[in-house]
Amino acid sequence: MFSTGFPKGVLTNQLASIAAVFQGPAAQIRRALRKGETFPSSAPPPSQPAFLLSVPLFHVTGGQAILLGATVAGGKLVLMHKWDVEKGIQLIKEEKVTAVGG
């Protein structure tokens, strides 16, 4: 689908970026720290999280939710050019992916 109109974009701000940081894995870490725990007591210490990203980094999902979440959690970011089920399964196994977003 093509558009003949002007290019469109959405601006974001620091508050939106900070809000994205405090979701997902970062929220679990925050809750544990508030209780004085290093990790939730019901779970063993996690290995390094690995996130599979199959959407562009210029998209809010890729650039905000997944990239910032992976950064805060100290995780690895595994990038896919385009979603492909077989390639996705292969990457999940090889890279020990713990979260997939898209």
C-alpha atoms as a PDB file:
ATOM      1  CA  MET A   1       0.000   0.000   0.000  1.00  0.00           C
ATOM      2  CA  PHE A   2       1.355   3.423  -0.921  1.00  0.00           C
ATOM      3  CA  SER A   3       0.532   6.895   0.260  1.00  0.00           C
ATOM      4  CA  THR A   4       0.795  10.107  -1.704  1.00  0.00           C
ATOM      5  CA  GLY A   5       0.501  12.235   1.427  1.00  0.00           C
ATOM      6  CA  PHE A   6       3.218  13.764   3.537  1.00  0.00           C
ATOM      7  CA  PRO A   7       5.420  11.402   5.581  1.00  0.00           C
ATOM      8  CA  LYS A   8       4.043  10.820   9.039  1.00  0.00           C
ATOM      9  CA  GLY A   9       5.805  10.221  12.308  1.00  0.00           C
ATOM     10  CA  VAL A  10       5.184  10.294  16.013  1.00  0.00           C
ATOM     11  CA  LEU A  11       7.352  12.160  18.452  1.00  0.00           C
ATOM     12  CA  THR A  12       8.122  10.702  21.816  1.00  0.00           C
ATOM     13  CA  ASN A  13       9.637  12.147  24.937  1.00  0.00           C
ATOM     14  CA  GLN A  14      11.804  11.082  27.846  1.00  0.00           C
ATOM     15  CA  LEU A  15       8.801  10.302  30.043  1.00  0.00           C
ATOM     16  CA  ALA A  16       7.530   7.768  27.501  1.00  0.00           C
ATOM     17  CA  SER A  17      10.981   6.179  27.318  1.00  0.00           C
ATOM     18  CA  ILE A  18      11.257   5.969  31.099  1.00  0.00           C
ATOM     19  CA  ALA A  19       7.772   4.443  31.311  1.00  0.00           C
ATOM     20  CA  ALA A  20       8.824   1.791  28.784  1.00  0.00           C
ATOM     21  CA  VAL A  21      11.875   0.969  30.902  1.00  0.00           C
ATOM     22  CA  PHE A  22       9.744   0.224  33.953  1.00  0.00           C
ATOM     23  CA  GLN A  23       7.627  -2.415  32.212  1.00  0.00           C
ATOM     24  CA  GLY A  24       8.351  -6.094  31.687  1.00  0.00           C
ATOM     25  CA  PRO A  25      11.568  -7.535  33.197  1.00  0.00           C
ATOM     26  CA  ALA A  26      12.461  -4.233  34.825  1.00  0.00           C
ATOM     27  CA  ALA A  27       9.161  -4.272  36.731  1.00  0.00           C
ATOM     28  CA  GLN A  28       9.982  -7.724  38.145  1.00  0.00           C
ATOM     29  CA  ILE A  29      13.400  -6.515  39.267  1.00  0.00           C
ATOM     30  CA  ARG A  30      11.873  -3.412  40.847  1.00  0.00           C
ATOM     31  CA  ARG A  31       9.284  -5.447  42.794  1.00  0.00           C
ATOM     32  CA  ALA A  32      11.998  -7.781  44.086  1.00  0.00           C
ATOM     33  CA  LEU A  33      14.211  -4.885  45.178  1.00  0.00           C
ATOM     34  CA  ARG A  34      11.315  -3.233  47.015  1.00  0.00           C
ATOM     35  CA  LYS A  35      10.889  -6.443  49.024  1.00  0.00           C
ATOM     36  CA  GLY A  36      14.600  -6.497  49.784  1.00  0.00           C
ATOM     37  CA  GLU A  37      15.187  -9.547  47.596  1.00  0.00           C
ATOM     38  CA  THR A  38      17.762  -9.939  44.875  1.00  0.00           C
ATOM     39  CA  PHE A  39      15.390 -12.047  42.791  1.00  0.00           C
ATOM     40  CA  PRO A  40      11.870 -13.313  43.408  1.00  0.00           C
ATOM     41  CA  SER A  41      12.250 -15.986  46.065  1.00  0.00           C
ATOM     42  CA  SER A  42      10.079 -18.486  44.174  1.00  0.00           C
ATOM     43  CA  ALA A  43      12.381 -18.506  41.148  1.00  0.00           C
ATOM     44  CA  PRO A  44      16.053 -19.401  40.776  1.00  0.00           C
ATOM     45  CA  PRO A  45      18.409 -16.614  39.731  1.00  0.00           C
ATOM     46  CA  PRO A  46      17.799 -16.128  36.010  1.00  0.00           C
ATOM     47  CA  SER A  47      20.379 -16.496  33.305  1.00  0.00           C
ATOM     48  CA  GLN A  48      21.006 -13.548  31.015  1.00  0.00           C
ATOM     49  CA  PRO A  49      17.714 -12.724  29.310  1.00  0.00           C
ATOM     50  CA  ALA A  50      17.710 -12.821  25.513  1.00  0.00           C
ATOM     51  CA  PHE A  51      15.093 -10.986  23.490  1.00  0.00           C
ATOM     52  CA  LEU A  52      14.155 -11.833  19.903  1.00  0.00           C
ATOM     53  CA  LEU A  53      13.144  -8.726  17.985  1.00  0.00           C
ATOM     54  CA  SER A  54      11.441  -9.097  14.621  1.00  0.00           C
ATOM     55  CA  VAL A  55      10.085  -5.569  14.223  1.00  0.00           C
ATOM     56  CA  PRO A  56      12.072  -2.473  13.215  1.00  0.00           C
ATOM     57  CA  LEU A  57      13.861  -0.434  15.862  1.00  0.00           C
ATOM     58  CA  PHE A  58      12.133   2.705  14.573  1.00  0.00           C
ATOM     59  CA  HIS A  59       8.805   1.176  15.655  1.00  0.00           C
ATOM     60  CA  VAL A  60       7.638   1.841  19.210  1.00  0.00           C
ATOM     61  CA  THR A  61       7.605  -1.895  19.967  1.00  0.00           C
ATOM     62  CA  GLY A  62      11.185  -2.393  18.814  1.00  0.00           C
ATOM     63  CA  GLY A  63      12.752   0.876  19.907  1.00  0.00           C
ATOM     64  CA  GLN A  64      10.920   1.430  23.173  1.00  0.00           C
ATOM     65  CA  ALA A  65       9.481  -1.738  24.683  1.00  0.00           C
ATOM     66  CA  ILE A  66      11.990  -4.370  23.610  1.00  0.00           C
ATOM     67  CA  LEU A  67      15.247  -2.438  23.155  1.00  0.00           C
ATOM     68  CA  LEU A  68      14.906  -0.480  26.393  1.00  0.00           C
ATOM     69  CA  GLY A  69      13.640  -3.525  28.301  1.00  0.00           C
ATOM     70  CA  ALA A  70      16.595  -5.600  27.134  1.00  0.00           C
ATOM     71  CA  THR A  71      19.004  -2.819  28.077  1.00  0.00           C
ATOM     72  CA  VAL A  72      17.629  -2.417  31.589  1.00  0.00           C
ATOM     73  CA  ALA A  73      17.526  -6.173  32.172  1.00  0.00           C
ATOM     74  CA  GLY A  74      21.126  -6.541  30.971  1.00  0.00           C
ATOM     75  CA  GLY A  75      19.896  -8.794  28.217  1.00  0.00           C
ATOM     76  CA  LYS A  76      20.982  -9.784  24.772  1.00  0.00           C
ATOM     77  CA  LEU A  77      19.052  -8.529  21.752  1.00  0.00           C
ATOM     78  CA  VAL A  78      18.707 -10.954  18.839  1.00  0.00           C
ATOM     79  CA  LEU A  79      17.545  -9.201  15.662  1.00  0.00           C
ATOM     80  CA  MET A  80      15.579 -10.681  12.763  1.00  0.00           C
ATOM     81  CA  HIS A  81      15.262  -8.817   9.474  1.00  0.00           C
ATOM     82  CA  LYS A  82      11.758 -10.178   8.887  1.00  0.00           C
ATOM     83  CA  TRP A  83       9.654 -12.664  10.849  1.00  0.00           C
ATOM     84  CA  ASP A  84      10.024 -16.228   9.608  1.00  0.00           C
ATOM     85  CA  VAL A  85       8.703 -19.080  11.753  1.00  0.00           C
ATOM     86  CA  GLU A  86      11.465 -21.585  10.969  1.00  0.00           C
ATOM     87  CA  LYS A  87      14.248 -19.009  11.352  1.00  0.00           C
ATOM     88  CA  GLY A  88      12.593 -17.772  14.567  1.00  0.00           C
ATOM     89  CA  ILE A  89      12.547 -21.256  16.078  1.00  0.00           C
ATOM     90  CA  GLN A  90      16.177 -21.769  15.052  1.00  0.00           C
ATOM     91  CA  LEU A  91      17.246 -18.468  16.660  1.00  0.00           C
ATOM     92  CA  ILE A  92      15.288 -19.198  19.841  1.00  0.00           C
ATOM     93  CA  LYS A  93      17.142 -22.486  20.243  1.00  0.00           C
ATOM     94  CA  GLU A  94      20.603 -21.271  19.213  1.00  0.00           C
ATOM     95  CA  GLU A  95      20.559 -17.978  21.106  1.00  0.00           C
ATOM     96  CA  LYS A  96      18.628 -19.298  24.133  1.00  0.00           C
ATOM     97  CA  VAL A  97      15.943 -16.643  23.670  1.00  0.00           C
ATOM     98  CA  THR A  98      13.805 -16.044  26.764  1.00  0.00           C
ATOM     99  CA  ALA A  99      11.346 -13.470  25.346  1.00  0.00           C
ATOM    100  CA  VAL A 100       9.881 -12.775  21.928  1.00  0.00           C
ATOM    101  CA  GLY A 101       8.197  -9.551  20.936  1.00  0.00           C
ATOM    102  CA  GLY A 102       6.668  -8.377  17.754  1.00  0.00           C
END
